[in-house]
C-alpha cells in the first residue's frame, strides 16, 4: 500500500447539482485509488451556461 498525491481536472456535468458534487468527486477519485483526503482547489464556470464547469481536485489516494 502506498500514498499518492494527484491533481485532477474534471468536467462537472451541468445536469448535476452542487449537492451532488461531493459524491460525484469521490466516485471519480475511486477510479484511480481510495481517496484519503481531497479538496476542490478551483472551479471555472463557463461564460455560456450550455457548457460543463471545470473543477480542479487535489487528492491523496491510497494505492493498493
PDB file of N, CA and C in Angstrom:
ATOM      1  N   UNK A   1       0.859  -1.172   0.000  1.00  0.00           N
ATOM      2  CA  UNK A   1       0.000   0.000   0.000  1.00  0.00           C
ATOM      3  C   UNK A   1       0.904   1.234   0.000  1.00  0.00           C
ATOM      4  N   UNK A   2       0.510   2.242  -0.796  1.00  0.00           N
ATOM      5  CA  UNK A   2       1.266   3.491  -0.824  1.00  0.00           C
ATOM      6  C   UNK A   2       0.308   4.662  -1.002  1.00  0.00           C
ATOM      7  N   UNK A   3       0.796   5.847  -0.693  1.00  0.00           N
ATOM      8  CA  UNK A   3       0.010   7.068  -0.854  1.00  0.00           C
ATOM      9  C   UNK A   3       0.496   7.805  -2.085  1.00  0.00           C
ATOM     10  N   UNK A   4      -0.431   8.442  -2.783  1.00  0.00           N
ATOM     11  CA  UNK A   4      -0.075   9.178  -3.997  1.00  0.00           C
ATOM     12  C   UNK A   4      -0.844  10.495  -4.021  1.00  0.00           C
ATOM     13  N   UNK A   5      -0.128  11.593  -4.224  1.00  0.00           N
ATOM     14  CA  UNK A   5      -0.746  12.910  -4.373  1.00  0.00           C
ATOM     15  C   UNK A   5      -1.067  13.109  -5.849  1.00  0.00           C
ATOM     16  N   UNK A   6      -2.324  13.419  -6.146  1.00  0.00           N
ATOM     17  CA  UNK A   6      -2.737  13.641  -7.528  1.00  0.00           C
ATOM     18  C   UNK A   6      -3.461  14.976  -7.647  1.00  0.00           C
ATOM     19  N   UNK A   7      -3.359  15.556  -8.817  1.00  0.00           N
ATOM     20  CA  UNK A   7      -4.108  16.760  -9.175  1.00  0.00           C
ATOM     21  C   UNK A   7      -4.902  16.397 -10.429  1.00  0.00           C
ATOM     22  N   UNK A   8      -6.212  16.501 -10.349  1.00  0.00           N
ATOM     23  CA  UNK A   8      -7.086  16.038 -11.423  1.00  0.00           C
ATOM     24  C   UNK A   8      -7.980  17.181 -11.891  1.00  0.00           C
ATOM     25  N   UNK A   9      -8.072  17.339 -13.195  1.00  0.00           N
ATOM     26  CA  UNK A   9      -9.011  18.294 -13.789  1.00  0.00           C
ATOM     27  C   UNK A   9     -10.219  17.511 -14.289  1.00  0.00           C
ATOM     28  N   UNK A  10     -11.396  17.896 -13.833  1.00  0.00           N
ATOM     29  CA  UNK A  10     -12.634  17.205 -14.194  1.00  0.00           C
ATOM     30  C   UNK A  10     -13.624  18.177 -14.816  1.00  0.00           C
ATOM     31  N   UNK A  11     -14.499  17.653 -15.642  1.00  0.00           N
ATOM     32  CA  UNK A  11     -15.625  18.424 -16.175  1.00  0.00           C
ATOM     33  C   UNK A  11     -16.848  18.061 -15.342  1.00  0.00           C
ATOM     34  N   UNK A  12     -17.359  19.030 -14.587  1.00  0.00           N
ATOM     35  CA  UNK A  12     -18.538  18.807 -13.759  1.00  0.00           C
ATOM     36  C   UNK A  12     -19.773  18.972 -14.639  1.00  0.00           C
ATOM     37  N   UNK A  13     -20.501  17.886 -14.898  1.00  0.00           N
ATOM     38  CA  UNK A  13     -21.660  17.954 -15.789  1.00  0.00           C
ATOM     39  C   UNK A  13     -22.700  18.956 -15.294  1.00  0.00           C
ATOM     40  N   UNK A  14     -23.228  19.720 -16.192  1.00  0.00           N
ATOM     41  CA  UNK A  14     -24.175  20.783 -15.803  1.00  0.00           C
ATOM     42  C   UNK A  14     -25.501  20.236 -15.297  1.00  0.00           C
ATOM     43  N   UNK A  15     -25.805  18.960 -15.573  1.00  0.00           N
ATOM     44  CA  UNK A  15     -27.075  18.401 -15.103  1.00  0.00           C
ATOM     45  C   UNK A  15     -27.009  17.941 -13.638  1.00  0.00           C
ATOM     46  N   UNK A  16     -25.810  17.957 -13.027  1.00  0.00           N
ATOM     47  CA  UNK A  16     -25.687  17.619 -11.611  1.00  0.00           C
ATOM     48  C   UNK A  16     -25.768  18.891 -10.773  1.00  0.00           C
ATOM     49  N   UNK A  17     -26.354  18.773  -9.597  1.00  0.00           N
ATOM     50  CA  UNK A  17     -26.448  19.934  -8.701  1.00  0.00           C
ATOM     51  C   UNK A  17     -25.183  20.019  -7.844  1.00  0.00           C
ATOM     52  N   UNK A  18     -24.996  21.139  -7.189  1.00  0.00           N
ATOM     53  CA  UNK A  18     -23.851  21.275  -6.291  1.00  0.00           C
ATOM     54  C   UNK A  18     -23.958  20.312  -5.102  1.00  0.00           C
ATOM     55  N   UNK A  19     -25.165  19.897  -4.764  1.00  0.00           N
ATOM     56  CA  UNK A  19     -25.341  18.903  -3.696  1.00  0.00           C
ATOM     57  C   UNK A  19     -24.777  17.548  -4.113  1.00  0.00           C
ATOM     58  N   UNK A  20     -24.716  17.295  -5.417  1.00  0.00           N
ATOM     59  CA  UNK A  20     -24.180  16.041  -5.940  1.00  0.00           C
ATOM     60  C   UNK A  20     -22.661  16.074  -6.100  1.00  0.00           C
ATOM     61  N   UNK A  21     -22.052  17.243  -5.918  1.00  0.00           N
ATOM     62  CA  UNK A  21     -20.624  17.415  -6.195  1.00  0.00           C
ATOM     63  C   UNK A  21     -19.761  16.460  -5.380  1.00  0.00           C
ATOM     64  N   UNK A  22     -19.997  16.359  -4.074  1.00  0.00           N
ATOM     65  CA  UNK A  22     -19.147  15.525  -3.221  1.00  0.00           C
ATOM     66  C   UNK A  22     -19.151  14.062  -3.666  1.00  0.00           C
ATOM     67  N   UNK A  23     -20.311  13.472  -3.817  1.00  0.00           N
ATOM     68  CA  UNK A  23     -20.374  12.057  -4.193  1.00  0.00           C
ATOM     69  C   UNK A  23     -19.820  11.836  -5.601  1.00  0.00           C
ATOM     70  N   UNK A  24     -20.042  12.792  -6.499  1.00  0.00           N
ATOM     71  CA  UNK A  24     -19.516  12.676  -7.860  1.00  0.00           C
ATOM     72  C   UNK A  24     -17.990  12.704  -7.853  1.00  0.00           C
ATOM     73  N   UNK A  25     -17.398  13.627  -7.070  1.00  0.00           N
ATOM     74  CA  UNK A  25     -15.940  13.718  -6.983  1.00  0.00           C
ATOM     75  C   UNK A  25     -15.364  12.432  -6.394  1.00  0.00           C
ATOM     76  N   UNK A  26     -15.945  11.936  -5.318  1.00  0.00           N
ATOM     77  CA  UNK A  26     -15.452  10.703  -4.689  1.00  0.00           C
ATOM     78  C   UNK A  26     -15.508   9.547  -5.683  1.00  0.00           C
ATOM     79  N   UNK A  27     -16.578   9.430  -6.441  1.00  0.00           N
ATOM     80  CA  UNK A  27     -16.680   8.365  -7.448  1.00  0.00           C
ATOM     81  C   UNK A  27     -15.613   8.506  -8.528  1.00  0.00           C
ATOM     82  N   UNK A  28     -15.308   9.733  -8.935  1.00  0.00           N
ATOM     83  CA  UNK A  28     -14.264   9.958  -9.933  1.00  0.00           C
ATOM     84  C   UNK A  28     -12.895   9.576  -9.373  1.00  0.00           C
ATOM     85  N   UNK A  29     -12.644   9.909  -8.102  1.00  0.00           N
ATOM     86  CA  UNK A  29     -11.361   9.587  -7.481  1.00  0.00           C
ATOM     87  C   UNK A  29     -11.184   8.090  -7.280  1.00  0.00           C
ATOM     88  N   UNK A  30     -12.267   7.394  -6.965  1.00  0.00           N
ATOM     89  CA  UNK A  30     -12.179   5.949  -6.727  1.00  0.00           C
ATOM     90  C   UNK A  30     -11.750   5.183  -7.972  1.00  0.00           C
ATOM     91  N   UNK A  31     -11.864   5.788  -9.136  1.00  0.00           N
ATOM     92  CA  UNK A  31     -11.384   5.159 -10.368  1.00  0.00           C
ATOM     93  C   UNK A  31      -9.860   5.074 -10.383  1.00  0.00           C
ATOM     94  N   UNK A  32      -9.201   5.906  -9.561  1.00  0.00           N
ATOM     95  CA  UNK A  32      -7.737   5.954  -9.530  1.00  0.00           C
ATOM     96  C   UNK A  32      -7.150   5.381  -8.252  1.00  0.00           C
ATOM     97  N   UNK A  33      -7.951   5.249  -7.200  1.00  0.00           N
ATOM     98  CA  UNK A  33      -7.496   4.743  -5.907  1.00  0.00           C
ATOM     99  C   UNK A  33      -8.517   5.099  -4.843  1.00  0.00           C
ATOM    100  N   UNK A  34      -8.213   4.742  -3.602  1.00  0.00           N
ATOM    101  CA  UNK A  34      -9.119   5.048  -2.495  1.00  0.00           C
ATOM    102  C   UNK A  34      -8.771   6.422  -1.929  1.00  0.00           C
ATOM    103  N   UNK A  35      -9.710   7.395  -2.008  1.00  0.00           N
ATOM    104  CA  UNK A  35      -9.392   8.734  -1.521  1.00  0.00           C
ATOM    105  C   UNK A  35      -9.234   8.783   0.001  1.00  0.00           C
ATOM    106  N   UNK A  36      -8.092   9.322   0.430  1.00  0.00           N
ATOM    107  CA  UNK A  36      -7.858   9.540   1.858  1.00  0.00           C
ATOM    108  C   UNK A  36      -8.304  10.951   2.227  1.00  0.00           C
ATOM    109  N   UNK A  37      -7.838  11.931   1.453  1.00  0.00           N
ATOM    110  CA  UNK A  37      -8.233  13.332   1.615  1.00  0.00           C
ATOM    111  C   UNK A  37      -8.300  13.948   0.233  1.00  0.00           C
ATOM    112  N   UNK A  38      -9.193  14.917   0.088  1.00  0.00           N
ATOM    113  CA  UNK A  38      -9.244  15.634  -1.180  1.00  0.00           C
ATOM    114  C   UNK A  38      -9.824  17.019  -0.956  1.00  0.00           C
ATOM    115  N   UNK A  39      -9.559  17.899  -1.927  1.00  0.00           N
ATOM    116  CA  UNK A  39     -10.056  19.269  -1.845  1.00  0.00           C
ATOM    117  C   UNK A  39     -10.299  19.803  -3.255  1.00  0.00           C
ATOM    118  N   UNK A  40     -11.331  20.600  -3.381  1.00  0.00           N
ATOM    119  CA  UNK A  40     -11.576  21.339  -4.618  1.00  0.00           C
ATOM    120  C   UNK A  40     -10.686  22.571  -4.542  1.00  0.00           C
ATOM    121  N   UNK A  41      -9.782  22.723  -5.509  1.00  0.00           N
ATOM    122  CA  UNK A  41      -8.856  23.852  -5.480  1.00  0.00           C
ATOM    123  C   UNK A  41      -9.227  24.932  -6.491  1.00  0.00           C
ATOM    124  N   UNK A  42     -10.116  24.601  -7.436  1.00  0.00           N
ATOM    125  CA  UNK A  42     -10.513  25.600  -8.428  1.00  0.00           C
ATOM    126  C   UNK A  42     -11.796  25.151  -9.114  1.00  0.00           C
ATOM    127  N   UNK A  43     -12.666  26.097  -9.358  1.00  0.00           N
ATOM    128  CA  UNK A  43     -13.868  25.855 -10.174  1.00  0.00           C
ATOM    129  C   UNK A  43     -13.951  26.991 -11.186  1.00  0.00           C
ATOM    130  N   UNK A  44     -14.064  26.621 -12.444  1.00  0.00           N
ATOM    131  CA  UNK A  44     -14.210  27.623 -13.502  1.00  0.00           C
ATOM    132  C   UNK A  44     -15.573  27.419 -14.145  1.00  0.00           C
ATOM    133  N   UNK A  45     -16.410  28.429 -14.019  1.00  0.00           N
ATOM    134  CA  UNK A  45     -17.740  28.374 -14.607  1.00  0.00           C
ATOM    135  C   UNK A  45     -17.683  28.905 -16.039  1.00  0.00           C
ATOM    136  N   UNK A  46     -18.365  28.256 -16.945  1.00  0.00           N
ATOM    137  CA  UNK A  46     -18.347  28.720 -18.330  1.00  0.00           C
ATOM    138  C   UNK A  46     -19.139  30.013 -18.501  1.00  0.00           C
ATOM    139  N   UNK A  47     -18.736  30.808 -19.461  1.00  0.00           N
ATOM    140  CA  UNK A  47     -19.486  32.027 -19.776  1.00  0.00           C
ATOM    141  C   UNK A  47     -20.847  31.635 -20.347  1.00  0.00           C
ATOM    142  N   UNK A  48     -20.838  30.609 -21.171  1.00  0.00           N
ATOM    143  CA  UNK A  48     -22.063  30.089 -21.769  1.00  0.00           C
ATOM    144  C   UNK A  48     -22.582  28.959 -20.878  1.00  0.00           C
ATOM    145  N   UNK A  49     -23.778  29.046 -20.360  1.00  0.00           N
ATOM    146  CA  UNK A  49     -24.323  28.038 -19.445  1.00  0.00           C
ATOM    147  C   UNK A  49     -24.578  26.688 -20.098  1.00  0.00           C
ATOM    148  N   UNK A  50     -24.356  26.575 -21.395  1.00  0.00           N
ATOM    149  CA  UNK A  50     -24.553  25.296 -22.078  1.00  0.00           C
ATOM    150  C   UNK A  50     -23.370  24.346 -21.887  1.00  0.00           C
ATOM    151  N   UNK A  51     -22.277  24.833 -21.305  1.00  0.00           N
ATOM    152  CA  UNK A  51     -21.068  24.025 -21.165  1.00  0.00           C
ATOM    153  C   UNK A  51     -20.901  23.536 -19.731  1.00  0.00           C
ATOM    154  N   UNK A  52     -20.087  22.485 -19.553  1.00  0.00           N
ATOM    155  CA  UNK A  52     -19.788  21.955 -18.229  1.00  0.00           C
ATOM    156  C   UNK A  52     -18.768  22.855 -17.534  1.00  0.00           C
ATOM    157  N   UNK A  53     -18.761  22.821 -16.200  1.00  0.00           N
ATOM    158  CA  UNK A  53     -17.781  23.575 -15.412  1.00  0.00           C
ATOM    159  C   UNK A  53     -16.503  22.762 -15.277  1.00  0.00           C
ATOM    160  N   UNK A  54     -15.364  23.449 -15.221  1.00  0.00           N
ATOM    161  CA  UNK A  54     -14.077  22.795 -14.967  1.00  0.00           C
ATOM    162  C   UNK A  54     -13.817  22.816 -13.467  1.00  0.00           C
ATOM    163  N   UNK A  55     -13.484  21.649 -12.910  1.00  0.00           N
ATOM    164  CA  UNK A  55     -13.218  21.524 -11.475  1.00  0.00           C
ATOM    165  C   UNK A  55     -11.833  20.913 -11.312  1.00  0.00           C
ATOM    166  N   UNK A  56     -10.994  21.555 -10.506  1.00  0.00           N
ATOM    167  CA  UNK A  56      -9.666  21.025 -10.223  1.00  0.00           C
ATOM    168  C   UNK A  56      -9.682  20.450  -8.812  1.00  0.00           C
ATOM    169  N   UNK A  57      -9.203  19.216  -8.684  1.00  0.00           N
ATOM    170  CA  UNK A  57      -9.193  18.483  -7.421  1.00  0.00           C
ATOM    171  C   UNK A  57      -7.762  18.099  -7.078  1.00  0.00           C
ATOM    172  N   UNK A  58      -7.364  18.305  -5.837  1.00  0.00           N
ATOM    173  CA  UNK A  58      -6.118  17.753  -5.317  1.00  0.00           C
ATOM    174  C   UNK A  58      -6.507  16.686  -4.307  1.00  0.00           C
ATOM    175  N   UNK A  59      -5.869  15.520  -4.419  1.00  0.00           N
ATOM    176  CA  UNK A  59      -6.260  14.416  -3.544  1.00  0.00           C
ATOM    177  C   UNK A  59      -5.053  13.572  -3.160  1.00  0.00           C
ATOM    178  N   UNK A  60      -5.150  12.959  -1.998  1.00  0.00           N
ATOM    179  CA  UNK A  60      -4.214  11.910  -1.584  1.00  0.00           C
ATOM    180  C   UNK A  60      -4.974  10.599  -1.689  1.00  0.00           C
ATOM    181  N   UNK A  61      -4.449   9.710  -2.518  1.00  0.00           N
ATOM    182  CA  UNK A  61      -5.094   8.425  -2.766  1.00  0.00           C
ATOM    183  C   UNK A  61      -4.285   7.288  -2.159  1.00  0.00           C
ATOM    184  N   UNK A  62      -4.993   6.278  -1.672  1.00  0.00           N
ATOM    185  CA  UNK A  62      -4.349   5.047  -1.221  1.00  0.00           C
ATOM    186  C   UNK A  62      -4.351   4.115  -2.416  1.00  0.00           C
ATOM    187  N   UNK A  63      -3.139   3.703  -2.812  1.00  0.00           N
ATOM    188  CA  UNK A  63      -2.988   2.812  -3.964  1.00  0.00           C
ATOM    189  C   UNK A  63      -2.587   1.437  -3.434  1.00  0.00           C
ATOM    190  N   UNK A  64      -3.343   0.415  -3.826  1.00  0.00           N
ATOM    191  CA  UNK A  64      -3.048  -0.952  -3.377  1.00  0.00           C
ATOM    192  C   UNK A  64      -1.971  -1.584  -4.234  1.00  0.00           C
TER     193      UNK A  64
END
